């Protein structure tokens, strides 16, 4: 490895995907795979220890999902470039991922040439959107603000979201904030509706995505 090499961290919870990505990239001049991680928490630790130039990140992973990990990495190490690897072909999802800090959005079914093109474009300082997606629609969603889930939360809702994510029950939240249990329950229902969350685990992931919790939580 020399100083001109572009240092890449691979992140996916499926070993076969990691092995496939390594095989695709290992013989490309100027690219060096410096590490692998199998969930968002491992990715954050690897970024802290290895400081890669680029992270190729799956979005659906255990312990800490890729969206939350991308958000935290962007906040802590803004110089690290981030590429989302996903099977989700939604322009709205692509816009949301770019809004939380990703520099690229690449479908897992893309060809090797497309992946290399994405890496080259991101390395040059650009933003890459998979060619199967409508880049104009993605840009429109970003500029309109329609892609940014959670931005409509009130200060109180954010406060309750953080406490719920920290493991407090509704009654404990009510006591801590000196409000009624019914008020907490109403806020929690509103949070689940706004964030399309179905349980406490979903709310915890959103707390990470919105920067309400640190990576060591």
N, C-alpha and C. Protein backbone atom coordinates (compact mmCIF):
# COMPACT_ATOMS: atom_id res chain seq x y z
N UNK A 1 0.85 -1.20 0.00
CA UNK A 1 0.00 0.00 0.00
C UNK A 1 0.88 1.24 0.00
N UNK A 2 0.56 2.21 -0.83
CA UNK A 2 1.32 3.45 -0.85
C UNK A 2 0.40 4.63 -0.55
N UNK A 3 1.00 5.80 -0.46
CA UNK A 3 0.26 6.98 -0.01
C UNK A 3 -0.85 7.37 -0.97
N UNK A 4 -0.73 6.95 -2.23
CA UNK A 4 -1.75 7.32 -3.22
C UNK A 4 -2.94 6.37 -3.24
N UNK A 5 -2.83 5.26 -2.53
CA UNK A 5 -3.92 4.28 -2.51
C UNK A 5 -5.17 4.85 -1.85
N UNK A 6 -6.33 4.46 -2.39
CA UNK A 6 -7.62 4.87 -1.84
C UNK A 6 -8.09 3.75 -0.91
N UNK A 7 -8.20 4.06 0.37
CA UNK A 7 -8.41 3.06 1.41
C UNK A 7 -9.90 2.86 1.67
N UNK A 8 -10.36 1.62 1.52
CA UNK A 8 -11.80 1.33 1.55
C UNK A 8 -12.14 0.37 2.68
N UNK A 9 -13.23 0.67 3.38
CA UNK A 9 -13.81 -0.20 4.41
C UNK A 9 -15.10 -0.78 3.87
N UNK A 10 -15.26 -2.10 3.96
CA UNK A 10 -16.47 -2.79 3.51
C UNK A 10 -17.35 -3.12 4.71
N UNK A 11 -18.66 -2.85 4.59
CA UNK A 11 -19.58 -3.10 5.71
C UNK A 11 -20.84 -3.79 5.20
N UNK A 12 -21.08 -5.02 5.66
CA UNK A 12 -22.28 -5.78 5.30
C UNK A 12 -22.41 -6.93 6.29
N UNK A 13 -23.63 -7.27 6.65
CA UNK A 13 -23.81 -8.35 7.62
C UNK A 13 -23.82 -9.73 6.98
N UNK A 14 -23.65 -9.80 5.66
CA UNK A 14 -23.57 -11.09 4.98
C UNK A 14 -22.14 -11.33 4.52
N UNK A 15 -21.53 -12.36 5.05
CA UNK A 15 -20.15 -12.66 4.73
C UNK A 15 -19.93 -12.85 3.24
N UNK A 16 -20.88 -13.48 2.56
CA UNK A 16 -20.72 -13.73 1.13
C UNK A 16 -20.67 -12.41 0.34
N UNK A 17 -21.39 -11.39 0.81
CA UNK A 17 -21.34 -10.08 0.16
C UNK A 17 -19.97 -9.44 0.36
N UNK A 18 -19.46 -9.54 1.58
CA UNK A 18 -18.13 -8.98 1.86
C UNK A 18 -17.07 -9.64 1.00
N UNK A 19 -17.15 -10.97 0.91
CA UNK A 19 -16.17 -11.69 0.11
C UNK A 19 -16.30 -11.32 -1.36
N UNK A 20 -17.53 -11.14 -1.83
CA UNK A 20 -17.75 -10.76 -3.22
C UNK A 20 -17.20 -9.37 -3.52
N UNK A 21 -17.43 -8.42 -2.62
CA UNK A 21 -16.92 -7.07 -2.82
C UNK A 21 -15.39 -7.06 -2.81
N UNK A 22 -14.81 -7.80 -1.90
CA UNK A 22 -13.35 -7.87 -1.85
C UNK A 22 -12.80 -8.45 -3.15
N UNK A 23 -13.46 -9.50 -3.64
CA UNK A 23 -13.00 -10.12 -4.89
C UNK A 23 -13.11 -9.16 -6.06
N UNK A 24 -14.17 -8.34 -6.07
CA UNK A 24 -14.38 -7.39 -7.16
C UNK A 24 -13.34 -6.27 -7.16
N UNK A 25 -12.86 -5.90 -5.96
CA UNK A 25 -12.04 -4.70 -5.85
C UNK A 25 -10.57 -4.96 -5.59
N UNK A 26 -10.23 -6.17 -5.17
CA UNK A 26 -8.87 -6.42 -4.68
C UNK A 26 -7.79 -6.22 -5.74
N UNK A 27 -8.13 -6.40 -7.01
CA UNK A 27 -7.11 -6.30 -8.06
C UNK A 27 -7.18 -4.97 -8.82
N UNK A 28 -7.94 -4.00 -8.29
CA UNK A 28 -8.05 -2.70 -8.95
C UNK A 28 -6.91 -1.81 -8.47
N UNK A 29 -6.11 -1.35 -9.40
CA UNK A 29 -4.98 -0.51 -9.05
C UNK A 29 -5.43 0.77 -8.34
N UNK A 30 -4.77 1.06 -7.24
CA UNK A 30 -5.06 2.28 -6.49
C UNK A 30 -6.11 2.13 -5.42
N UNK A 31 -6.79 0.96 -5.35
CA UNK A 31 -7.78 0.70 -4.32
C UNK A 31 -7.25 -0.36 -3.37
N UNK A 32 -7.42 -0.13 -2.06
CA UNK A 32 -6.96 -1.08 -1.06
C UNK A 32 -8.07 -1.30 -0.03
N UNK A 33 -8.46 -2.56 0.17
CA UNK A 33 -9.44 -2.90 1.21
C UNK A 33 -8.69 -2.98 2.53
N UNK A 34 -8.98 -2.07 3.45
CA UNK A 34 -8.24 -2.02 4.71
C UNK A 34 -8.99 -2.69 5.86
N UNK A 35 -10.27 -3.06 5.66
CA UNK A 35 -11.01 -3.69 6.73
C UNK A 35 -12.42 -4.04 6.34
N UNK A 36 -13.06 -4.82 7.21
CA UNK A 36 -14.44 -5.23 7.00
C UNK A 36 -15.19 -5.12 8.32
N UNK A 37 -16.49 -4.89 8.24
CA UNK A 37 -17.35 -4.84 9.42
C UNK A 37 -18.68 -5.47 9.06
N UNK A 38 -19.36 -6.03 10.08
CA UNK A 38 -20.61 -6.75 9.82
C UNK A 38 -21.83 -6.07 10.42
N UNK A 39 -21.66 -4.90 11.02
CA UNK A 39 -22.81 -4.12 11.50
C UNK A 39 -22.36 -2.68 11.71
N UNK A 40 -23.32 -1.82 11.99
CA UNK A 40 -23.00 -0.41 12.11
C UNK A 40 -22.05 -0.07 13.23
N UNK A 41 -22.16 -0.76 14.35
CA UNK A 41 -21.26 -0.47 15.47
C UNK A 41 -19.83 -0.84 15.13
N UNK A 42 -19.65 -1.99 14.48
CA UNK A 42 -18.31 -2.38 14.05
C UNK A 42 -17.77 -1.38 13.04
N UNK A 43 -18.63 -0.86 12.19
CA UNK A 43 -18.20 0.12 11.19
C UNK A 43 -17.68 1.39 11.87
N UNK A 44 -18.37 1.85 12.89
CA UNK A 44 -17.94 3.06 13.59
C UNK A 44 -16.61 2.83 14.28
N UNK A 45 -16.43 1.66 14.90
CA UNK A 45 -15.15 1.33 15.54
C UNK A 45 -14.03 1.29 14.50
N UNK A 46 -14.33 0.68 13.34
CA UNK A 46 -13.32 0.59 12.28
C UNK A 46 -12.96 1.98 11.76
N UNK A 47 -13.94 2.86 11.63
CA UNK A 47 -13.64 4.21 11.18
C UNK A 47 -12.76 4.95 12.19
N UNK A 48 -13.03 4.73 13.45
CA UNK A 48 -12.22 5.35 14.50
C UNK A 48 -10.78 4.86 14.45
N UNK A 49 -10.60 3.57 14.22
CA UNK A 49 -9.26 2.97 14.28
C UNK A 49 -8.50 3.06 12.96
N UNK A 50 -9.21 2.96 11.84
CA UNK A 50 -8.55 2.84 10.54
C UNK A 50 -8.60 4.11 9.70
N UNK A 51 -9.61 4.96 9.93
CA UNK A 51 -9.81 6.19 9.17
C UNK A 51 -9.74 5.93 7.66
N UNK A 52 -10.68 5.17 7.13
CA UNK A 52 -10.69 4.89 5.68
C UNK A 52 -11.00 6.15 4.89
N UNK A 53 -10.70 6.09 3.60
CA UNK A 53 -11.09 7.18 2.72
C UNK A 53 -12.55 7.03 2.30
N UNK A 54 -12.99 5.78 2.16
CA UNK A 54 -14.35 5.49 1.69
C UNK A 54 -14.91 4.29 2.43
N UNK A 55 -16.18 4.38 2.81
CA UNK A 55 -16.90 3.26 3.42
C UNK A 55 -18.00 2.82 2.48
N UNK A 56 -18.00 1.54 2.10
CA UNK A 56 -19.09 0.94 1.34
C UNK A 56 -20.01 0.26 2.34
N UNK A 57 -21.21 0.78 2.51
CA UNK A 57 -22.06 0.40 3.65
C UNK A 57 -23.41 -0.16 3.21
N UNK A 58 -23.71 -1.36 3.69
CA UNK A 58 -25.06 -1.91 3.57
C UNK A 58 -25.98 -1.10 4.47
N UNK A 59 -27.27 -1.06 4.18
CA UNK A 59 -28.19 -0.26 4.98
C UNK A 59 -28.96 -1.07 6.02
N UNK A 60 -29.22 -2.34 5.74
CA UNK A 60 -30.00 -3.17 6.67
C UNK A 60 -29.07 -4.14 7.39
N UNK A 61 -28.76 -3.81 8.66
CA UNK A 61 -27.84 -4.62 9.44
C UNK A 61 -28.29 -4.68 10.90
N UNK A 62 -27.86 -5.69 11.64
CA UNK A 62 -28.23 -5.79 13.05
C UNK A 62 -27.42 -4.83 13.92
N UNK A 63 -27.85 -4.70 15.18
CA UNK A 63 -27.19 -3.89 16.22
C UNK A 63 -27.29 -2.39 15.93
N UNK A 64 -26.78 -1.96 14.81
CA UNK A 64 -26.93 -0.57 14.39
C UNK A 64 -27.04 -0.56 12.88
N UNK A 65 -28.15 -0.07 12.36
CA UNK A 65 -28.38 -0.14 10.92
C UNK A 65 -27.48 0.83 10.16
N UNK A 66 -27.39 0.63 8.85
CA UNK A 66 -26.51 1.42 8.03
C UNK A 66 -26.85 2.90 7.99
N UNK A 67 -28.14 3.23 8.01
CA UNK A 67 -28.53 4.64 7.97
C UNK A 67 -28.04 5.36 9.22
N UNK A 68 -28.22 4.74 10.38
CA UNK A 68 -27.76 5.33 11.63
C UNK A 68 -26.25 5.45 11.64
N UNK A 69 -25.58 4.40 11.17
CA UNK A 69 -24.11 4.42 11.14
C UNK A 69 -23.59 5.50 10.20
N UNK A 70 -24.21 5.63 9.03
CA UNK A 70 -23.82 6.68 8.09
C UNK A 70 -23.94 8.06 8.74
N UNK A 71 -25.05 8.26 9.43
CA UNK A 71 -25.28 9.55 10.08
C UNK A 71 -24.21 9.86 11.10
N UNK A 72 -23.89 8.88 11.93
CA UNK A 72 -22.90 9.09 12.98
C UNK A 72 -21.50 9.27 12.41
N UNK A 73 -21.15 8.51 11.40
CA UNK A 73 -19.83 8.64 10.79
C UNK A 73 -19.68 10.02 10.14
N UNK A 74 -20.72 10.47 9.46
CA UNK A 74 -20.68 11.80 8.85
C UNK A 74 -20.47 12.88 9.91
N UNK A 75 -21.14 12.73 11.05
CA UNK A 75 -21.01 13.73 12.12
C UNK A 75 -19.61 13.73 12.73
N UNK A 76 -19.03 12.54 12.90
CA UNK A 76 -17.76 12.43 13.62
C UNK A 76 -16.54 12.58 12.73
N UNK A 77 -16.64 12.08 11.52
CA UNK A 77 -15.49 12.12 10.60
C UNK A 77 -15.96 12.62 9.23
N UNK A 78 -16.17 13.90 9.11
CA UNK A 78 -16.76 14.46 7.88
C UNK A 78 -15.91 14.24 6.64
N UNK A 79 -14.63 13.94 6.77
CA UNK A 79 -13.78 13.74 5.59
C UNK A 79 -13.91 12.33 5.00
N UNK A 80 -14.45 11.40 5.77
CA UNK A 80 -14.65 10.05 5.25
C UNK A 80 -15.81 10.08 4.26
N UNK A 81 -15.59 9.52 3.07
CA UNK A 81 -16.64 9.45 2.06
C UNK A 81 -17.48 8.19 2.28
N UNK A 82 -18.76 8.28 1.97
CA UNK A 82 -19.70 7.21 2.32
C UNK A 82 -20.54 6.80 1.12
N UNK A 83 -20.57 5.49 0.86
CA UNK A 83 -21.39 4.97 -0.23
C UNK A 83 -22.37 3.94 0.33
N UNK A 84 -23.66 4.15 0.07
CA UNK A 84 -24.68 3.19 0.49
C UNK A 84 -24.82 2.10 -0.56
N UNK A 85 -24.83 0.85 -0.10
CA UNK A 85 -25.07 -0.31 -0.97
C UNK A 85 -26.40 -0.92 -0.56
N UNK A 86 -27.34 -1.01 -1.47
CA UNK A 86 -28.69 -1.42 -1.09
C UNK A 86 -29.42 -2.07 -2.26
N UNK A 87 -30.52 -2.75 -1.92
CA UNK A 87 -31.40 -3.30 -2.95
C UNK A 87 -32.62 -2.43 -3.16
N UNK A 88 -32.75 -1.36 -2.38
CA UNK A 88 -33.91 -0.48 -2.42
C UNK A 88 -33.82 0.47 -3.62
N UNK A 89 -34.79 0.36 -4.53
CA UNK A 89 -34.76 1.16 -5.76
C UNK A 89 -35.61 2.43 -5.67
N UNK A 90 -36.00 2.81 -4.48
CA UNK A 90 -36.84 3.99 -4.30
C UNK A 90 -36.04 5.28 -4.38
N UNK A 91 -36.48 6.21 -5.23
CA UNK A 91 -35.83 7.52 -5.31
C UNK A 91 -35.96 8.26 -3.98
N UNK A 92 -37.07 8.11 -3.31
CA UNK A 92 -37.26 8.77 -2.02
C UNK A 92 -36.25 8.26 -1.00
N UNK A 93 -36.02 6.95 -1.01
CA UNK A 93 -35.04 6.39 -0.08
C UNK A 93 -33.64 6.89 -0.42
N UNK A 94 -33.32 6.95 -1.70
CA UNK A 94 -32.02 7.46 -2.11
C UNK A 94 -31.82 8.90 -1.65
N UNK A 95 -32.85 9.72 -1.81
CA UNK A 95 -32.76 11.11 -1.37
C UNK A 95 -32.53 11.20 0.13
N UNK A 96 -33.24 10.35 0.87
CA UNK A 96 -33.09 10.37 2.33
C UNK A 96 -31.69 9.96 2.74
N UNK A 97 -31.13 8.94 2.09
CA UNK A 97 -29.79 8.47 2.44
C UNK A 97 -28.75 9.52 2.11
N UNK A 98 -28.90 10.18 0.99
CA UNK A 98 -27.98 11.26 0.64
C UNK A 98 -28.11 12.42 1.63
N UNK A 99 -29.32 12.68 2.09
CA UNK A 99 -29.54 13.77 3.04
C UNK A 99 -28.89 13.51 4.40
N UNK A 100 -28.79 12.26 4.81
CA UNK A 100 -28.17 11.98 6.11
C UNK A 100 -26.66 11.91 6.01
N UNK A 101 -26.11 12.03 4.80
CA UNK A 101 -24.66 12.12 4.70
C UNK A 101 -23.97 11.26 3.69
N UNK A 102 -24.68 10.38 3.00
CA UNK A 102 -24.03 9.52 2.01
C UNK A 102 -23.60 10.34 0.79
N UNK A 103 -22.50 9.90 0.18
CA UNK A 103 -22.01 10.53 -1.04
C UNK A 103 -22.40 9.74 -2.29
N UNK A 104 -22.89 8.53 -2.08
CA UNK A 104 -23.28 7.70 -3.20
C UNK A 104 -24.35 6.71 -2.81
N UNK A 105 -25.15 6.31 -3.78
CA UNK A 105 -26.25 5.36 -3.57
C UNK A 105 -26.18 4.37 -4.73
N UNK A 106 -25.76 3.13 -4.42
CA UNK A 106 -25.50 2.13 -5.45
C UNK A 106 -26.31 0.87 -5.16
N UNK A 107 -26.98 0.36 -6.17
CA UNK A 107 -27.76 -0.86 -6.01
C UNK A 107 -26.85 -2.08 -6.02
N UNK A 108 -27.19 -3.07 -5.20
CA UNK A 108 -26.35 -4.26 -5.09
C UNK A 108 -26.33 -5.08 -6.38
N UNK A 109 -27.32 -4.88 -7.22
CA UNK A 109 -27.35 -5.64 -8.46
C UNK A 109 -26.56 -4.95 -9.58
N UNK A 110 -25.90 -3.85 -9.25
CA UNK A 110 -25.11 -3.14 -10.25
C UNK A 110 -23.93 -3.98 -10.71
N UNK A 111 -23.42 -3.67 -11.90
CA UNK A 111 -22.26 -4.36 -12.42
C UNK A 111 -20.99 -3.79 -11.82
N UNK A 112 -19.91 -4.56 -11.96
CA UNK A 112 -18.62 -4.14 -11.42
C UNK A 112 -18.19 -2.79 -11.99
N UNK A 113 -18.40 -2.59 -13.28
CA UNK A 113 -18.01 -1.32 -13.90
C UNK A 113 -18.75 -0.14 -13.28
N UNK A 114 -20.03 -0.36 -12.95
CA UNK A 114 -20.80 0.71 -12.32
C UNK A 114 -20.28 1.01 -10.92
N UNK A 115 -19.91 -0.02 -10.17
CA UNK A 115 -19.36 0.17 -8.83
C UNK A 115 -18.04 0.96 -8.91
N UNK A 116 -17.19 0.59 -9.85
CA UNK A 116 -15.92 1.29 -10.01
C UNK A 116 -16.15 2.74 -10.45
N UNK A 117 -17.14 2.94 -11.30
CA UNK A 117 -17.47 4.31 -11.73
C UNK A 117 -17.95 5.13 -10.53
N UNK A 118 -18.75 4.51 -9.67
CA UNK A 118 -19.24 5.20 -8.48
C UNK A 118 -18.08 5.57 -7.55
N UNK A 119 -17.16 4.63 -7.34
CA UNK A 119 -16.01 4.90 -6.47
C UNK A 119 -15.17 6.04 -7.04
N UNK A 120 -14.93 6.00 -8.34
CA UNK A 120 -14.13 7.05 -8.98
C UNK A 120 -14.78 8.41 -8.85
N UNK A 121 -16.11 8.45 -9.03
CA UNK A 121 -16.82 9.73 -8.96
C UNK A 121 -16.80 10.29 -7.54
N UNK A 122 -16.99 9.42 -6.57
CA UNK A 122 -16.97 9.86 -5.17
C UNK A 122 -15.56 10.28 -4.78
N UNK A 123 -14.57 9.52 -5.24
CA UNK A 123 -13.17 9.86 -4.93
C UNK A 123 -12.83 11.25 -5.47
N UNK A 124 -13.42 11.60 -6.60
CA UNK A 124 -13.16 12.91 -7.21
C UNK A 124 -13.95 14.03 -6.55
N UNK A 125 -14.74 13.70 -5.54
CA UNK A 125 -15.50 14.71 -4.82
C UNK A 125 -16.94 14.85 -5.25
N UNK A 126 -17.41 13.96 -6.13
CA UNK A 126 -18.77 14.04 -6.63
C UNK A 126 -19.75 13.21 -5.83
N UNK A 127 -21.00 13.28 -6.25
CA UNK A 127 -22.09 12.48 -5.70
C UNK A 127 -22.53 11.49 -6.77
N UNK A 128 -22.73 10.24 -6.38
CA UNK A 128 -23.13 9.23 -7.36
C UNK A 128 -24.49 8.66 -7.00
N UNK A 129 -25.38 8.63 -7.99
CA UNK A 129 -26.70 8.00 -7.85
C UNK A 129 -26.79 6.90 -8.90
N UNK A 130 -27.16 5.71 -8.48
CA UNK A 130 -27.22 4.58 -9.39
C UNK A 130 -28.01 4.92 -10.65
N UNK A 131 -27.52 4.45 -11.77
CA UNK A 131 -28.13 4.81 -13.06
C UNK A 131 -29.54 4.26 -13.24
N UNK A 132 -29.93 3.29 -12.41
CA UNK A 132 -31.30 2.77 -12.51
C UNK A 132 -32.32 3.73 -11.88
N UNK A 133 -31.84 4.67 -11.10
CA UNK A 133 -32.73 5.62 -10.45
C UNK A 133 -32.83 6.90 -11.25
N UNK A 134 -33.91 7.63 -11.04
CA UNK A 134 -34.13 8.91 -11.69
C UNK A 134 -33.41 9.98 -10.87
N UNK A 135 -32.24 10.38 -11.32
CA UNK A 135 -31.43 11.34 -10.57
C UNK A 135 -32.15 12.68 -10.41
N UNK A 136 -32.92 13.09 -11.42
CA UNK A 136 -33.65 14.35 -11.34
C UNK A 136 -34.69 14.30 -10.21
N UNK A 137 -35.39 13.16 -10.10
CA UNK A 137 -36.39 13.02 -9.04
C UNK A 137 -35.72 13.01 -7.67
N UNK A 138 -34.59 12.34 -7.56
CA UNK A 138 -33.85 12.33 -6.29
C UNK A 138 -33.48 13.75 -5.89
N UNK A 139 -32.96 14.52 -6.84
CA UNK A 139 -32.57 15.90 -6.56
C UNK A 139 -33.78 16.74 -6.17
N UNK A 140 -34.91 16.51 -6.82
CA UNK A 140 -36.12 17.26 -6.51
C UNK A 140 -36.61 16.97 -5.10
N UNK A 141 -36.56 15.71 -4.71
CA UNK A 141 -36.98 15.33 -3.36
C UNK A 141 -36.08 15.96 -2.31
N UNK A 142 -34.78 16.01 -2.61
CA UNK A 142 -33.84 16.60 -1.66
C UNK A 142 -34.09 18.10 -1.52
N UNK A 143 -34.28 18.78 -2.63
CA UNK A 143 -34.46 20.23 -2.59
C UNK A 143 -35.78 20.63 -1.96
N UNK A 144 -36.79 19.76 -2.08
CA UNK A 144 -38.10 20.08 -1.51
C UNK A 144 -38.17 19.78 -0.04
N UNK A 145 -37.23 18.98 0.45
CA UNK A 145 -37.25 18.60 1.86
C UNK A 145 -38.15 17.43 2.15
N UNK A 146 -38.80 16.87 1.12
CA UNK A 146 -39.73 15.77 1.35
C UNK A 146 -39.03 14.47 1.74
N UNK A 147 -37.72 14.40 1.56
CA UNK A 147 -37.01 13.16 1.85
C UNK A 147 -36.58 13.04 3.30
N UNK A 148 -36.58 14.16 4.03
CA UNK A 148 -35.96 14.16 5.35
C UNK A 148 -36.98 13.78 6.41
N UNK A 149 -37.07 12.50 6.71
CA UNK A 149 -37.97 12.03 7.75
C UNK A 149 -37.50 12.55 9.10
N UNK A 150 -38.45 12.87 9.95
CA UNK A 150 -38.10 13.27 11.31
C UNK A 150 -37.90 14.76 11.49
N UNK A 151 -37.81 15.53 10.40
CA UNK A 151 -37.57 16.95 10.55
C UNK A 151 -38.78 17.69 11.08
N UNK A 152 -39.95 17.06 11.05
CA UNK A 152 -41.15 17.73 11.53
C UNK A 152 -41.38 17.48 13.02
N UNK A 153 -40.45 16.83 13.68
CA UNK A 153 -40.62 16.55 15.10
C UNK A 153 -40.48 17.83 15.92
N UNK A 154 -41.32 17.93 16.96
CA UNK A 154 -41.20 19.05 17.88
C UNK A 154 -40.06 18.78 18.87
N UNK A 155 -39.65 19.82 19.59
CA UNK A 155 -38.59 19.65 20.59
C UNK A 155 -39.00 18.63 21.64
N UNK A 156 -40.27 18.66 22.04
CA UNK A 156 -40.75 17.70 23.05
C UNK A 156 -40.72 16.28 22.50
N UNK A 157 -41.11 16.11 21.24
CA UNK A 157 -41.09 14.78 20.63
C UNK A 157 -39.66 14.25 20.55
N UNK A 158 -38.72 15.10 20.21
CA UNK A 158 -37.32 14.68 20.16
C UNK A 158 -36.83 14.28 21.56
N UNK A 159 -37.25 15.04 22.55
CA UNK A 159 -36.87 14.75 23.93
C UNK A 159 -37.41 13.39 24.36
N UNK A 160 -38.66 13.13 24.05
CA UNK A 160 -39.27 11.84 24.41
C UNK A 160 -38.66 10.71 23.60
N UNK A 161 -38.39 10.95 22.33
CA UNK A 161 -37.75 9.92 21.49
C UNK A 161 -36.42 9.51 22.08
N UNK A 162 -35.62 10.45 22.52
CA UNK A 162 -34.32 10.15 23.12
C UNK A 162 -34.48 9.31 24.38
N UNK A 163 -35.43 9.66 25.23
CA UNK A 163 -35.63 8.93 26.48
C UNK A 163 -36.14 7.51 26.22
N UNK A 164 -37.05 7.36 25.28
CA UNK A 164 -37.56 6.04 24.92
C UNK A 164 -36.42 5.18 24.38
N UNK A 165 -35.58 5.78 23.54
CA UNK A 165 -34.46 5.05 22.97
C UNK A 165 -33.45 4.64 24.03
N UNK A 166 -33.38 5.40 25.11
CA UNK A 166 -32.47 5.07 26.21
C UNK A 166 -33.04 3.98 27.12
N UNK A 167 -34.27 3.54 26.82
CA UNK A 167 -34.84 2.42 27.55
C UNK A 167 -35.87 2.77 28.61
N UNK A 168 -36.23 4.03 28.73
CA UNK A 168 -37.21 4.42 29.74
C UNK A 168 -38.62 4.04 29.30
N UNK A 169 -39.41 3.59 30.25
CA UNK A 169 -40.82 3.30 29.99
C UNK A 169 -41.62 4.60 30.01
N UNK A 170 -42.82 4.54 29.45
CA UNK A 170 -43.66 5.73 29.37
C UNK A 170 -43.85 6.39 30.74
N UNK A 171 -44.09 5.58 31.76
CA UNK A 171 -44.33 6.13 33.10
C UNK A 171 -43.08 6.84 33.62
N UNK A 172 -41.90 6.26 33.36
CA UNK A 172 -40.65 6.90 33.79
C UNK A 172 -40.41 8.21 33.06
N UNK A 173 -40.75 8.23 31.76
CA UNK A 173 -40.61 9.45 30.98
C UNK A 173 -41.53 10.54 31.55
N UNK A 174 -42.75 10.17 31.87
CA UNK A 174 -43.72 11.13 32.42
C UNK A 174 -43.21 11.72 33.73
N UNK A 175 -42.67 10.86 34.59
CA UNK A 175 -42.16 11.33 35.88
C UNK A 175 -40.96 12.25 35.69
N UNK A 176 -40.07 11.89 34.77
CA UNK A 176 -38.87 12.68 34.56
C UNK A 176 -39.18 14.05 34.00
N UNK A 177 -40.16 14.12 33.10
CA UNK A 177 -40.50 15.38 32.44
C UNK A 177 -41.63 16.14 33.14
N UNK A 178 -42.16 15.54 34.19
CA UNK A 178 -43.24 16.16 34.96
C UNK A 178 -44.47 16.44 34.08
N UNK A 179 -44.83 15.44 33.27
CA UNK A 179 -46.03 15.53 32.45
C UNK A 179 -46.85 14.27 32.70
N UNK A 180 -48.08 14.25 32.20
CA UNK A 180 -48.94 13.11 32.45
C UNK A 180 -48.56 11.91 31.59
N UNK A 181 -48.91 10.73 32.08
CA UNK A 181 -48.66 9.51 31.31
C UNK A 181 -49.40 9.57 29.98
N UNK A 182 -50.61 10.09 29.98
CA UNK A 182 -51.38 10.19 28.75
C UNK A 182 -50.68 11.07 27.72
N UNK A 183 -50.06 12.16 28.19
CA UNK A 183 -49.33 13.04 27.28
C UNK A 183 -48.16 12.33 26.64
N UNK A 184 -47.44 11.55 27.42
CA UNK A 184 -46.32 10.77 26.89
C UNK A 184 -46.81 9.77 25.85
N UNK A 185 -47.91 9.10 26.16
CA UNK A 185 -48.45 8.10 25.23
C UNK A 185 -48.87 8.76 23.92
N UNK A 186 -49.46 9.96 24.01
CA UNK A 186 -49.86 10.68 22.80
C UNK A 186 -48.65 11.06 21.96
N UNK A 187 -47.62 11.58 22.62
CA UNK A 187 -46.40 11.94 21.90
C UNK A 187 -45.77 10.71 21.25
N UNK A 188 -45.79 9.61 21.97
CA UNK A 188 -45.17 8.39 21.42
C UNK A 188 -45.94 7.90 20.19
N UNK A 189 -47.26 7.97 20.24
CA UNK A 189 -48.06 7.59 19.07
C UNK A 189 -47.77 8.51 17.89
N UNK A 190 -47.63 9.81 18.16
CA UNK A 190 -47.31 10.76 17.10
C UNK A 190 -45.94 10.47 16.50
N UNK A 191 -44.98 10.10 17.35
CA UNK A 191 -43.64 9.76 16.87
C UNK A 191 -43.69 8.55 15.94
N UNK A 192 -44.43 7.54 16.35
CA UNK A 192 -44.51 6.32 15.54
C UNK A 192 -45.19 6.60 14.20
N UNK A 193 -46.18 7.50 14.21
CA UNK A 193 -46.86 7.85 12.97
C UNK A 193 -45.93 8.65 12.05
N UNK A 194 -45.26 9.65 12.59
CA UNK A 194 -44.41 10.51 11.78
C UNK A 194 -43.21 9.75 11.20
N UNK A 195 -42.66 8.83 12.00
CA UNK A 195 -41.44 8.13 11.59
C UNK A 195 -41.72 6.77 10.98
N UNK A 196 -43.00 6.42 10.86
CA UNK A 196 -43.38 5.10 10.35
C UNK A 196 -42.67 4.01 11.17
N UNK A 197 -42.66 4.19 12.48
CA UNK A 197 -42.03 3.23 13.40
C UNK A 197 -43.11 2.32 13.97
N UNK A 198 -42.73 1.06 14.22
CA UNK A 198 -43.72 0.08 14.68
C UNK A 198 -43.45 -0.45 16.08
N UNK A 199 -42.28 -0.14 16.62
CA UNK A 199 -41.95 -0.63 17.96
C UNK A 199 -40.81 0.21 18.53
N UNK A 200 -40.39 -0.13 19.76
CA UNK A 200 -39.33 0.63 20.42
C UNK A 200 -38.01 0.53 19.68
N UNK A 201 -37.75 -0.62 19.06
CA UNK A 201 -36.50 -0.78 18.31
C UNK A 201 -36.43 0.19 17.14
N UNK A 202 -37.56 0.36 16.44
CA UNK A 202 -37.60 1.32 15.33
C UNK A 202 -37.36 2.74 15.84
N UNK A 203 -37.94 3.08 16.99
CA UNK A 203 -37.74 4.41 17.55
C UNK A 203 -36.28 4.62 17.95
N UNK A 204 -35.65 3.58 18.46
CA UNK A 204 -34.24 3.67 18.84
C UNK A 204 -33.37 3.93 17.61
N UNK A 205 -33.67 3.24 16.51
CA UNK A 205 -32.91 3.48 15.28
C UNK A 205 -33.06 4.91 14.82
N UNK A 206 -34.28 5.45 14.95
CA UNK A 206 -34.49 6.84 14.53
C UNK A 206 -33.75 7.80 15.44
N UNK A 207 -33.65 7.49 16.72
CA UNK A 207 -32.89 8.35 17.63
C UNK A 207 -31.43 8.42 17.20
N UNK A 208 -30.88 7.29 16.77
CA UNK A 208 -29.52 7.29 16.24
C UNK A 208 -29.43 8.13 14.97
N UNK A 209 -30.36 7.93 14.06
CA UNK A 209 -30.33 8.63 12.78
C UNK A 209 -30.40 10.15 12.95
N UNK A 210 -31.16 10.58 13.94
CA UNK A 210 -31.34 12.01 14.17
C UNK A 210 -30.28 12.58 15.09
N UNK A 211 -29.29 11.76 15.45
CA UNK A 211 -28.17 12.25 16.26
C UNK A 211 -28.51 12.47 17.72
N UNK A 212 -29.56 11.83 18.22
CA UNK A 212 -29.97 12.01 19.60
C UNK A 212 -29.20 11.11 20.56
N UNK A 213 -28.56 10.06 20.02
CA UNK A 213 -27.79 9.14 20.83
C UNK A 213 -26.38 9.03 20.27
N UNK A 214 -25.43 8.79 21.12
CA UNK A 214 -24.06 8.57 20.66
C UNK A 214 -23.86 7.13 20.27
N UNK A 215 -22.78 6.82 19.62
CA UNK A 215 -22.50 5.46 19.15
C UNK A 215 -22.22 4.50 20.27
N UNK A 216 -21.91 5.01 21.47
CA UNK A 216 -21.60 4.13 22.60
C UNK A 216 -22.82 3.79 23.41
N UNK A 217 -23.99 4.30 23.01
CA UNK A 217 -25.22 4.02 23.74
C UNK A 217 -25.59 2.54 23.62
